[in-house]
Amino acid sequence: MTLLPTPSHTVGPFYGYALPFPEGERVAPHGHPDRIVLHGHVYDGDGVPVPDAILDFWQAAPDGSLTGAPGSMRRDPVTGGHLGRNGTDFTGFGRVPTDADGHYALHTLPPGNAGLPYISVCVFARGLLHHLFTRAYLRDGADPLLDSLPAARRATLVARPDESGTPRAYRFDIRLQGEGETVFLEFT
């Protein structure tokens, strides 16, 4: 019997089964004094939290380099973790599932991008035929992408300092469609 490929329109919700890995939310070394937290919720078009999305994050290191820790995506066959995630090296990559309330949290270091600091985000969620790309800027300012957007759309890409009292935390909610929809990027 020959098995046919699964069509792209049969999307999850199965992301929480095999894609997350131990400590995927920890891009920064444990206890690093410059650690920041980027967190928020993923919402669908009706404003309902999405409890089974997966978010991939990529970013520059604080010095601006893009190399990350070698092997941070190579699976360890014994532990199921990733070999480059030793708890002390900056990896540059994180994978975080949303919880039952659609919330995620990424523990990382401030990115050292040229220009405005941002973290690249890729969203995988039920109902999406293809994953979505966006950016979470850690502050507003002059940037070619942000400058090309009207103010209301621009605001969907800027993470705000968290007002909950958590030091060095930024809030970045992702709205998949509808009012306040996050700006998503198309790569060709």
N, C-alpha and C. Protein backbone atom coordinates (compact mmCIF):
# COMPACT_ATOMS: atom_id res chain seq x y z
N MET A 1 0.83 -1.17 0.00
CA MET A 1 0.00 0.00 0.00
C MET A 1 0.89 1.25 0.00
N THR A 2 0.61 2.16 -0.90
CA THR A 2 1.35 3.41 -1.00
C THR A 2 0.59 4.49 -0.25
N LEU A 3 1.29 5.16 0.65
CA LEU A 3 0.67 6.25 1.39
C LEU A 3 0.88 7.56 0.65
N LEU A 4 -0.19 8.32 0.52
CA LEU A 4 -0.11 9.60 -0.16
C LEU A 4 0.25 10.69 0.84
N PRO A 5 0.88 11.76 0.36
CA PRO A 5 1.19 12.86 1.27
C PRO A 5 -0.09 13.48 1.83
N THR A 6 0.00 13.99 3.02
CA THR A 6 -1.13 14.66 3.65
C THR A 6 -1.29 16.04 3.02
N PRO A 7 -2.50 16.39 2.58
CA PRO A 7 -2.70 17.72 1.99
C PRO A 7 -2.45 18.82 3.01
N SER A 8 -2.05 20.00 2.53
CA SER A 8 -1.73 21.10 3.43
C SER A 8 -2.95 21.64 4.16
N HIS A 9 -4.16 21.33 3.71
CA HIS A 9 -5.35 21.89 4.35
C HIS A 9 -5.82 21.09 5.57
N THR A 10 -5.15 20.01 5.92
CA THR A 10 -5.55 19.24 7.10
C THR A 10 -4.65 19.61 8.27
N VAL A 11 -4.84 20.81 8.78
CA VAL A 11 -4.00 21.34 9.85
C VAL A 11 -4.56 20.94 11.20
N GLY A 12 -3.69 20.56 12.14
CA GLY A 12 -3.87 20.20 13.54
C GLY A 12 -5.29 20.15 14.05
N PRO A 13 -5.52 20.24 15.34
CA PRO A 13 -4.58 20.66 16.39
C PRO A 13 -3.77 19.50 16.96
N PHE A 14 -2.54 19.39 16.50
CA PHE A 14 -1.66 18.34 16.99
C PHE A 14 -0.28 18.86 17.33
N TYR A 15 -0.12 20.16 17.38
CA TYR A 15 1.21 20.73 17.58
C TYR A 15 1.83 20.39 18.92
N GLY A 16 1.05 20.26 19.94
CA GLY A 16 1.59 19.98 21.27
C GLY A 16 2.13 18.58 21.44
N TYR A 17 1.92 17.70 20.47
CA TYR A 17 2.32 16.31 20.62
C TYR A 17 3.82 16.10 20.45
N ALA A 18 4.40 16.48 19.32
CA ALA A 18 5.79 16.14 19.06
C ALA A 18 6.70 17.34 18.79
N LEU A 19 6.14 18.49 18.56
CA LEU A 19 6.98 19.62 18.19
C LEU A 19 7.65 20.34 19.35
N PRO A 20 6.98 20.54 20.49
CA PRO A 20 7.69 21.20 21.59
C PRO A 20 8.83 20.31 22.11
N PHE A 21 9.82 20.93 22.70
CA PHE A 21 10.92 20.17 23.29
C PHE A 21 11.26 20.78 24.64
N PRO A 22 11.94 20.03 25.48
CA PRO A 22 12.24 20.52 26.83
C PRO A 22 12.96 21.87 26.79
N GLU A 23 12.43 22.81 27.54
CA GLU A 23 12.99 24.15 27.70
C GLU A 23 13.12 24.91 26.38
N GLY A 24 12.22 24.65 25.45
CA GLY A 24 12.21 25.37 24.18
C GLY A 24 11.97 26.86 24.35
N GLU A 25 11.39 27.24 25.49
CA GLU A 25 11.11 28.65 25.75
C GLU A 25 12.33 29.39 26.29
N ARG A 26 13.42 28.69 26.55
CA ARG A 26 14.61 29.31 27.15
C ARG A 26 15.70 29.50 26.10
N VAL A 27 15.73 30.70 25.54
CA VAL A 27 16.77 31.05 24.58
C VAL A 27 17.98 31.58 25.33
N ALA A 28 17.74 32.27 26.44
CA ALA A 28 18.81 32.84 27.26
C ALA A 28 19.31 31.81 28.27
N PRO A 29 20.57 31.91 28.64
CA PRO A 29 21.08 31.03 29.70
C PRO A 29 20.31 31.26 31.01
N HIS A 30 20.17 30.22 31.81
CA HIS A 30 19.50 30.31 33.10
C HIS A 30 20.17 31.37 33.98
N GLY A 31 19.36 32.22 34.59
CA GLY A 31 19.88 33.20 35.54
C GLY A 31 20.66 34.34 34.95
N HIS A 32 20.67 34.51 33.63
CA HIS A 32 21.44 35.59 33.02
C HIS A 32 20.87 36.94 33.49
N PRO A 33 21.71 37.88 33.92
CA PRO A 33 21.21 39.14 34.47
C PRO A 33 20.50 40.03 33.45
N ASP A 34 20.73 39.83 32.16
CA ASP A 34 20.10 40.66 31.13
C ASP A 34 18.85 40.01 30.53
N ARG A 35 18.41 38.91 31.09
CA ARG A 35 17.29 38.16 30.54
C ARG A 35 16.03 39.02 30.49
N ILE A 36 15.29 38.87 29.38
CA ILE A 36 13.99 39.51 29.25
C ILE A 36 12.95 38.40 29.00
N VAL A 37 11.69 38.76 29.18
CA VAL A 37 10.60 37.83 28.91
C VAL A 37 9.68 38.49 27.88
N LEU A 38 9.44 37.80 26.77
CA LEU A 38 8.46 38.23 25.79
C LEU A 38 7.28 37.29 25.96
N HIS A 39 6.10 37.83 26.24
CA HIS A 39 4.96 36.95 26.46
C HIS A 39 3.69 37.61 25.97
N GLY A 40 2.66 36.81 25.81
CA GLY A 40 1.37 37.32 25.37
C GLY A 40 0.43 36.18 25.07
N HIS A 41 -0.61 36.48 24.35
CA HIS A 41 -1.61 35.50 23.96
C HIS A 41 -1.73 35.45 22.45
N VAL A 42 -2.17 34.31 21.93
CA VAL A 42 -2.53 34.18 20.52
C VAL A 42 -4.06 34.11 20.49
N TYR A 43 -4.67 34.99 19.68
CA TYR A 43 -6.13 35.06 19.58
C TYR A 43 -6.59 34.74 18.16
N ASP A 44 -7.74 34.10 18.04
CA ASP A 44 -8.31 33.85 16.71
C ASP A 44 -9.12 35.07 16.27
N GLY A 45 -9.84 34.95 15.16
CA GLY A 45 -10.58 36.07 14.60
C GLY A 45 -11.73 36.55 15.46
N ASP A 46 -12.21 35.71 16.37
CA ASP A 46 -13.28 36.10 17.28
C ASP A 46 -12.76 36.61 18.61
N GLY A 47 -11.45 36.72 18.73
CA GLY A 47 -10.85 37.18 19.98
C GLY A 47 -10.74 36.09 21.04
N VAL A 48 -10.90 34.84 20.62
CA VAL A 48 -10.81 33.70 21.54
C VAL A 48 -9.36 33.21 21.58
N PRO A 49 -8.81 32.96 22.75
CA PRO A 49 -7.44 32.46 22.84
C PRO A 49 -7.28 31.12 22.12
N VAL A 50 -6.14 30.94 21.45
CA VAL A 50 -5.84 29.70 20.74
C VAL A 50 -4.96 28.84 21.66
N PRO A 51 -5.50 27.73 22.19
CA PRO A 51 -4.78 26.94 23.19
C PRO A 51 -3.77 25.94 22.64
N ASP A 52 -3.66 25.82 21.34
CA ASP A 52 -2.81 24.76 20.79
C ASP A 52 -1.94 25.25 19.65
N ALA A 53 -1.48 26.48 19.73
CA ALA A 53 -0.56 27.02 18.72
C ALA A 53 0.88 26.74 19.14
N ILE A 54 1.76 26.79 18.18
CA ILE A 54 3.21 26.70 18.43
C ILE A 54 3.83 27.96 17.83
N LEU A 55 4.72 28.59 18.58
CA LEU A 55 5.42 29.77 18.09
C LEU A 55 6.91 29.48 18.03
N ASP A 56 7.51 29.73 16.89
CA ASP A 56 8.96 29.64 16.73
C ASP A 56 9.51 31.06 16.77
N PHE A 57 10.62 31.25 17.46
CA PHE A 57 11.25 32.56 17.59
C PHE A 57 12.70 32.46 17.14
N TRP A 58 13.16 33.44 16.37
CA TRP A 58 14.56 33.57 15.97
C TRP A 58 14.98 34.99 16.26
N GLN A 59 16.22 35.14 16.65
CA GLN A 59 16.70 36.50 16.92
C GLN A 59 18.21 36.57 16.89
N ALA A 60 18.68 37.81 16.76
CA ALA A 60 20.11 38.07 16.84
C ALA A 60 20.53 38.01 18.31
N ALA A 61 21.77 37.64 18.52
CA ALA A 61 22.35 37.68 19.87
C ALA A 61 22.53 39.14 20.28
N PRO A 62 22.78 39.41 21.55
CA PRO A 62 22.98 40.79 21.98
C PRO A 62 24.11 41.52 21.22
N ASP A 63 25.11 40.77 20.75
CA ASP A 63 26.20 41.40 19.99
C ASP A 63 25.87 41.55 18.51
N GLY A 64 24.66 41.16 18.09
CA GLY A 64 24.23 41.29 16.71
C GLY A 64 24.51 40.07 15.84
N SER A 65 25.24 39.10 16.37
CA SER A 65 25.54 37.91 15.57
C SER A 65 24.29 37.05 15.40
N LEU A 66 24.28 36.25 14.34
CA LEU A 66 23.12 35.42 14.03
C LEU A 66 23.43 33.93 14.10
N THR A 67 24.54 33.56 14.71
CA THR A 67 24.94 32.15 14.69
C THR A 67 24.22 31.30 15.71
N GLY A 68 23.95 31.79 16.90
CA GLY A 68 23.31 30.96 17.93
C GLY A 68 24.23 29.84 18.37
N ALA A 69 23.73 28.97 19.23
CA ALA A 69 24.51 27.84 19.73
C ALA A 69 24.49 26.71 18.71
N PRO A 70 25.63 26.16 18.37
CA PRO A 70 25.65 25.03 17.43
C PRO A 70 24.84 23.87 17.99
N GLY A 71 24.06 23.24 17.12
CA GLY A 71 23.31 22.06 17.53
C GLY A 71 22.06 22.35 18.33
N SER A 72 21.64 23.61 18.41
CA SER A 72 20.48 23.91 19.26
C SER A 72 19.19 23.33 18.70
N MET A 73 19.22 22.83 17.48
CA MET A 73 18.04 22.16 16.92
C MET A 73 18.30 20.67 16.64
N ARG A 74 19.46 20.16 17.05
CA ARG A 74 19.77 18.74 16.83
C ARG A 74 19.25 17.94 18.01
N ARG A 75 18.37 17.00 17.77
CA ARG A 75 17.75 16.19 18.84
C ARG A 75 18.74 15.26 19.50
N ASP A 76 18.62 15.17 20.81
CA ASP A 76 19.37 14.19 21.59
C ASP A 76 18.49 12.94 21.67
N PRO A 77 18.91 11.81 21.08
CA PRO A 77 18.06 10.63 21.05
C PRO A 77 17.79 10.02 22.43
N VAL A 78 18.59 10.35 23.41
CA VAL A 78 18.42 9.79 24.75
C VAL A 78 17.39 10.59 25.55
N THR A 79 17.56 11.91 25.60
CA THR A 79 16.69 12.73 26.45
C THR A 79 15.50 13.32 25.71
N GLY A 80 15.57 13.37 24.37
CA GLY A 80 14.52 14.01 23.60
C GLY A 80 14.71 15.51 23.52
N GLY A 81 15.70 16.03 24.25
CA GLY A 81 15.99 17.46 24.22
C GLY A 81 16.84 17.80 23.01
N HIS A 82 17.45 18.94 23.05
CA HIS A 82 18.31 19.37 21.96
C HIS A 82 19.73 19.54 22.49
N LEU A 83 20.69 19.05 21.72
CA LEU A 83 22.07 18.98 22.17
C LEU A 83 22.69 20.35 22.44
N GLY A 84 22.32 21.37 21.68
CA GLY A 84 22.90 22.69 21.88
C GLY A 84 22.27 23.47 23.02
N ARG A 85 21.27 22.92 23.66
CA ARG A 85 20.59 23.60 24.77
C ARG A 85 21.16 23.09 26.08
N ASN A 86 22.28 23.66 26.47
CA ASN A 86 22.95 23.19 27.67
C ASN A 86 22.68 24.06 28.89
N GLY A 87 21.83 25.08 28.73
CA GLY A 87 21.48 25.93 29.86
C GLY A 87 22.46 27.07 30.09
N THR A 88 23.54 27.12 29.32
CA THR A 88 24.51 28.20 29.51
C THR A 88 24.75 29.02 28.26
N ASP A 89 24.48 28.47 27.08
CA ASP A 89 24.74 29.19 25.83
C ASP A 89 23.47 29.83 25.29
N PHE A 90 23.62 31.00 24.67
CA PHE A 90 22.53 31.65 23.97
C PHE A 90 22.29 30.89 22.68
N THR A 91 21.03 30.49 22.41
CA THR A 91 20.77 29.65 21.25
C THR A 91 20.27 30.42 20.03
N GLY A 92 19.58 31.54 20.22
CA GLY A 92 19.05 32.29 19.09
C GLY A 92 17.73 31.75 18.56
N PHE A 93 17.28 30.60 19.06
CA PHE A 93 16.04 29.98 18.59
C PHE A 93 15.24 29.46 19.78
N GLY A 94 13.93 29.65 19.72
CA GLY A 94 13.04 29.09 20.74
C GLY A 94 11.77 28.58 20.10
N ARG A 95 11.17 27.59 20.73
CA ARG A 95 9.87 27.06 20.29
C ARG A 95 8.98 26.94 21.51
N VAL A 96 7.83 27.61 21.45
CA VAL A 96 6.97 27.70 22.62
C VAL A 96 5.53 27.36 22.23
N PRO A 97 4.92 26.40 22.91
CA PRO A 97 3.49 26.16 22.70
C PRO A 97 2.67 27.13 23.53
N THR A 98 1.46 27.43 23.09
CA THR A 98 0.56 28.20 23.93
C THR A 98 -0.08 27.24 24.93
N ASP A 99 -0.46 27.77 26.09
CA ASP A 99 -1.11 26.93 27.11
C ASP A 99 -2.62 26.91 26.88
N ALA A 100 -3.36 26.36 27.80
CA ALA A 100 -4.81 26.23 27.67
C ALA A 100 -5.51 27.57 27.54
N ASP A 101 -4.87 28.65 27.99
CA ASP A 101 -5.43 29.99 27.89
C ASP A 101 -4.89 30.77 26.69
N GLY A 102 -4.12 30.09 25.81
CA GLY A 102 -3.55 30.75 24.64
C GLY A 102 -2.34 31.60 24.95
N HIS A 103 -1.74 31.43 26.13
CA HIS A 103 -0.60 32.24 26.57
C HIS A 103 0.72 31.55 26.24
N TYR A 104 1.73 32.35 25.95
CA TYR A 104 3.10 31.86 25.74
C TYR A 104 4.06 32.77 26.49
N ALA A 105 5.26 32.28 26.75
CA ALA A 105 6.32 33.11 27.35
C ALA A 105 7.67 32.62 26.84
N LEU A 106 8.48 33.55 26.37
CA LEU A 106 9.83 33.27 25.86
C LEU A 106 10.82 33.98 26.76
N HIS A 107 11.85 33.28 27.23
CA HIS A 107 12.90 33.84 28.08
C HIS A 107 14.14 33.98 27.22
N THR A 108 14.57 35.21 27.00
CA THR A 108 15.65 35.45 26.05
C THR A 108 16.50 36.64 26.49
N LEU A 109 17.39 37.06 25.63
CA LEU A 109 18.22 38.25 25.85
C LEU A 109 17.81 39.31 24.83
N PRO A 110 18.03 40.58 25.12
CA PRO A 110 17.69 41.62 24.14
C PRO A 110 18.46 41.41 22.84
N PRO A 111 17.76 41.41 21.70
CA PRO A 111 18.46 41.21 20.42
C PRO A 111 19.29 42.43 20.05
N GLY A 112 20.42 42.19 19.40
CA GLY A 112 21.31 43.26 18.98
C GLY A 112 21.23 43.54 17.50
N ASN A 113 20.02 43.59 16.94
CA ASN A 113 19.85 43.88 15.52
C ASN A 113 20.38 45.27 15.21
N ALA A 114 20.86 45.45 13.97
CA ALA A 114 21.17 46.80 13.52
C ALA A 114 19.83 47.53 13.41
N GLY A 115 19.76 48.74 13.88
CA GLY A 115 18.49 49.45 13.87
C GLY A 115 17.68 49.09 15.10
N LEU A 116 16.37 48.94 14.94
CA LEU A 116 15.50 48.60 16.07
C LEU A 116 15.60 47.13 16.43
N PRO A 117 15.64 46.81 17.71
CA PRO A 117 15.70 45.39 18.10
C PRO A 117 14.34 44.72 17.90
N TYR A 118 14.38 43.53 17.30
CA TYR A 118 13.15 42.76 17.12
C TYR A 118 13.45 41.27 17.22
N ILE A 119 12.40 40.52 17.45
CA ILE A 119 12.45 39.07 17.48
C ILE A 119 11.52 38.57 16.39
N SER A 120 12.01 37.71 15.51
CA SER A 120 11.17 37.13 14.46
C SER A 120 10.30 36.04 15.05
N VAL A 121 9.04 35.98 14.60
CA VAL A 121 8.07 35.02 15.13
C VAL A 121 7.42 34.30 13.96
N CYS A 122 7.26 32.99 14.11
CA CYS A 122 6.53 32.17 13.15
C CYS A 122 5.41 31.46 13.90
N VAL A 123 4.18 31.59 13.42
CA VAL A 123 3.00 31.06 14.10
C VAL A 123 2.46 29.85 13.34
N PHE A 124 2.30 28.74 14.06
CA PHE A 124 1.65 27.54 13.55
C PHE A 124 0.40 27.35 14.40
N ALA A 125 -0.77 27.22 13.77
CA ALA A 125 -1.99 27.07 14.55
C ALA A 125 -3.05 26.36 13.72
N ARG A 126 -4.00 25.77 14.40
CA ARG A 126 -5.11 25.11 13.72
C ARG A 126 -5.83 26.11 12.84
N GLY A 127 -6.31 25.63 11.72
CA GLY A 127 -7.04 26.50 10.81
C GLY A 127 -6.16 27.27 9.84
N LEU A 128 -4.85 27.27 10.06
CA LEU A 128 -3.95 27.96 9.13
C LEU A 128 -3.47 26.97 8.08
N LEU A 129 -3.58 27.34 6.82
CA LEU A 129 -3.06 26.47 5.76
C LEU A 129 -1.54 26.55 5.70
N HIS A 130 -1.01 27.70 6.04
CA HIS A 130 0.44 27.89 6.06
C HIS A 130 0.79 28.70 7.31
N HIS A 131 1.99 28.52 7.80
CA HIS A 131 2.42 29.27 8.98
C HIS A 131 2.54 30.76 8.63
N LEU A 132 2.52 31.59 9.66
CA LEU A 132 2.55 33.03 9.49
C LEU A 132 3.82 33.61 10.11
N PHE A 133 4.40 34.59 9.46
CA PHE A 133 5.60 35.25 9.96
C PHE A 133 5.27 36.67 10.41
N THR A 134 5.86 37.08 11.51
CA THR A 134 5.73 38.46 11.97
C THR A 134 6.99 38.83 12.75
N ARG A 135 6.99 40.02 13.30
CA ARG A 135 8.10 40.48 14.14
C ARG A 135 7.54 41.10 15.41
N ALA A 136 8.29 40.96 16.48
CA ALA A 136 7.97 41.62 17.74
C ALA A 136 9.10 42.62 18.00
N TYR A 137 8.83 43.90 17.73
CA TYR A 137 9.81 44.95 18.01
C TYR A 137 9.75 45.27 19.50
N LEU A 138 10.91 45.46 20.12
CA LEU A 138 10.93 45.75 21.55
C LEU A 138 10.79 47.23 21.88
N ARG A 139 10.79 48.06 20.86
CA ARG A 139 10.47 49.47 21.03
C ARG A 139 10.08 50.04 19.67
N ASP A 140 9.42 51.17 19.69
CA ASP A 140 9.00 51.83 18.47
C ASP A 140 10.11 52.78 18.03
N GLY A 141 10.15 53.09 16.77
CA GLY A 141 11.16 54.00 16.25
C GLY A 141 11.24 53.90 14.75
N ALA A 142 12.30 54.48 14.19
CA ALA A 142 12.48 54.47 12.74
C ALA A 142 12.93 53.09 12.28
N ASP A 143 12.19 52.52 11.34
CA ASP A 143 12.49 51.21 10.77
C ASP A 143 11.77 51.14 9.43
N PRO A 144 12.41 50.62 8.38
CA PRO A 144 11.75 50.58 7.07
C PRO A 144 10.40 49.85 7.08
N LEU A 145 10.30 48.72 7.79
CA LEU A 145 9.03 48.00 7.84
C LEU A 145 7.98 48.81 8.61
N LEU A 146 8.33 49.25 9.80
CA LEU A 146 7.37 50.01 10.61
C LEU A 146 6.96 51.31 9.92
N ASP A 147 7.92 51.97 9.26
CA ASP A 147 7.63 53.24 8.60
C ASP A 147 6.66 53.07 7.43
N SER A 148 6.56 51.87 6.88
CA SER A 148 5.68 51.63 5.74
C SER A 148 4.23 51.37 6.15
N LEU A 149 3.95 51.34 7.45
CA LEU A 149 2.62 50.98 7.95
C LEU A 149 1.88 52.17 8.55
N PRO A 150 0.54 52.18 8.43
CA PRO A 150 -0.24 53.18 9.17
C PRO A 150 -0.07 52.94 10.67
N ALA A 151 -0.28 53.97 11.48
CA ALA A 151 -0.03 53.89 12.92
C ALA A 151 -0.74 52.72 13.59
N ALA A 152 -2.00 52.48 13.25
CA ALA A 152 -2.74 51.39 13.91
C ALA A 152 -2.16 50.02 13.57
N ARG A 153 -1.73 49.84 12.34
CA ARG A 153 -1.13 48.56 11.93
C ARG A 153 0.27 48.43 12.53
N ARG A 154 1.00 49.51 12.55
CA ARG A 154 2.34 49.54 13.12
C ARG A 154 2.33 49.07 14.57
N ALA A 155 1.33 49.49 15.31
CA ALA A 155 1.23 49.16 16.74
C ALA A 155 1.13 47.65 16.97
N THR A 156 0.66 46.88 15.98
CA THR A 156 0.52 45.44 16.16
C THR A 156 1.87 44.72 16.16
N LEU A 157 2.93 45.41 15.79
CA LEU A 157 4.27 44.81 15.75
C LEU A 157 5.16 45.24 16.90
N VAL A 158 4.68 46.13 17.75
CA VAL A 158 5.52 46.66 18.83
C VAL A 158 5.10 46.06 20.17
N ALA A 159 6.01 45.32 20.78
CA ALA A 159 5.77 44.78 22.12
C ALA A 159 5.84 45.94 23.11
N ARG A 160 5.00 45.88 24.10
CA ARG A 160 4.96 46.94 25.10
C ARG A 160 5.53 46.45 26.42
N PRO A 161 6.20 47.34 27.15
CA PRO A 161 6.65 46.93 28.50
C PRO A 161 5.45 46.44 29.30
N ASP A 162 5.63 45.34 29.98
CA ASP A 162 4.56 44.72 30.76
C ASP A 162 4.26 45.57 31.98
N GLU A 163 3.00 45.84 32.21
CA GLU A 163 2.60 46.68 33.34
C GLU A 163 2.27 45.84 34.57
N SER A 164 2.53 44.54 34.52
CA SER A 164 2.20 43.67 35.66
C SER A 164 3.23 43.78 36.78
N GLY A 165 4.31 44.47 36.52
CA GLY A 165 5.35 44.60 37.54
C GLY A 165 6.51 43.63 37.34
N THR A 166 6.39 42.72 36.37
CA THR A 166 7.49 41.80 36.07
C THR A 166 8.62 42.60 35.43
N PRO A 167 9.80 42.61 36.04
CA PRO A 167 10.90 43.40 35.47
C PRO A 167 11.35 42.83 34.13
N ARG A 168 11.64 43.72 33.20
CA ARG A 168 12.19 43.36 31.89
C ARG A 168 11.28 42.40 31.12
N ALA A 169 9.97 42.62 31.23
CA ALA A 169 9.00 41.81 30.51
C ALA A 169 8.28 42.67 29.47
N TYR A 170 8.00 42.06 28.32
CA TYR A 170 7.32 42.74 27.23
C TYR A 170 6.08 41.93 26.85
N ARG A 171 4.99 42.63 26.56
CA ARG A 171 3.73 41.98 26.16
C ARG A 171 3.58 42.10 24.66
N PHE A 172 3.37 40.96 24.00
CA PHE A 172 3.17 40.93 22.55
C PHE A 172 2.07 39.92 22.23
N ASP A 173 0.85 40.43 22.04
CA ASP A 173 -0.27 39.57 21.67
C ASP A 173 -0.31 39.43 20.15
N ILE A 174 -0.74 38.27 19.70
CA ILE A 174 -0.85 37.98 18.27
C ILE A 174 -2.32 37.72 17.95
N ARG A 175 -2.87 38.51 17.05
CA ARG A 175 -4.26 38.34 16.61
C ARG A 175 -4.21 37.83 15.18
N LEU A 176 -4.77 36.64 14.97
CA LEU A 176 -4.66 35.97 13.67
C LEU A 176 -5.50 36.62 12.58
N GLN A 177 -6.60 37.26 12.94
CA GLN A 177 -7.43 37.98 11.97
C GLN A 177 -8.41 38.87 12.71
N GLY A 178 -9.16 39.67 11.96
CA GLY A 178 -10.16 40.52 12.57
C GLY A 178 -9.58 41.85 13.04
N GLU A 179 -10.35 42.51 13.91
CA GLU A 179 -9.94 43.82 14.42
C GLU A 179 -8.62 43.72 15.17
N GLY A 180 -7.68 44.58 14.83
CA GLY A 180 -6.37 44.56 15.48
C GLY A 180 -5.47 43.43 15.00
N GLU A 181 -5.79 42.85 13.82
CA GLU A 181 -4.98 41.74 13.29
C GLU A 181 -3.51 42.13 13.24
N THR A 182 -2.66 41.24 13.70
CA THR A 182 -1.21 41.44 13.65
C THR A 182 -0.76 41.53 12.19
N VAL A 183 0.19 42.38 11.91
CA VAL A 183 0.77 42.44 10.57
C VAL A 183 1.61 41.19 10.37
N PHE A 184 1.32 40.47 9.30
CA PHE A 184 2.10 39.28 8.95
C PHE A 184 2.89 39.56 7.69
N LEU A 185 4.06 38.95 7.59
CA LEU A 185 5.00 39.21 6.50
C LEU A 185 4.95 38.08 5.49
N GLU A 186 5.16 38.43 4.23
CA GLU A 186 5.21 37.44 3.18
C GLU A 186 6.64 37.37 2.65
N PHE A 187 7.19 36.16 2.69
CA PHE A 187 8.54 35.96 2.15
C PHE A 187 8.43 35.19 0.84
N THR A 188 9.08 35.69 -0.19
CA THR A 188 9.02 35.02 -1.49
C THR A 188 10.37 34.54 -1.91
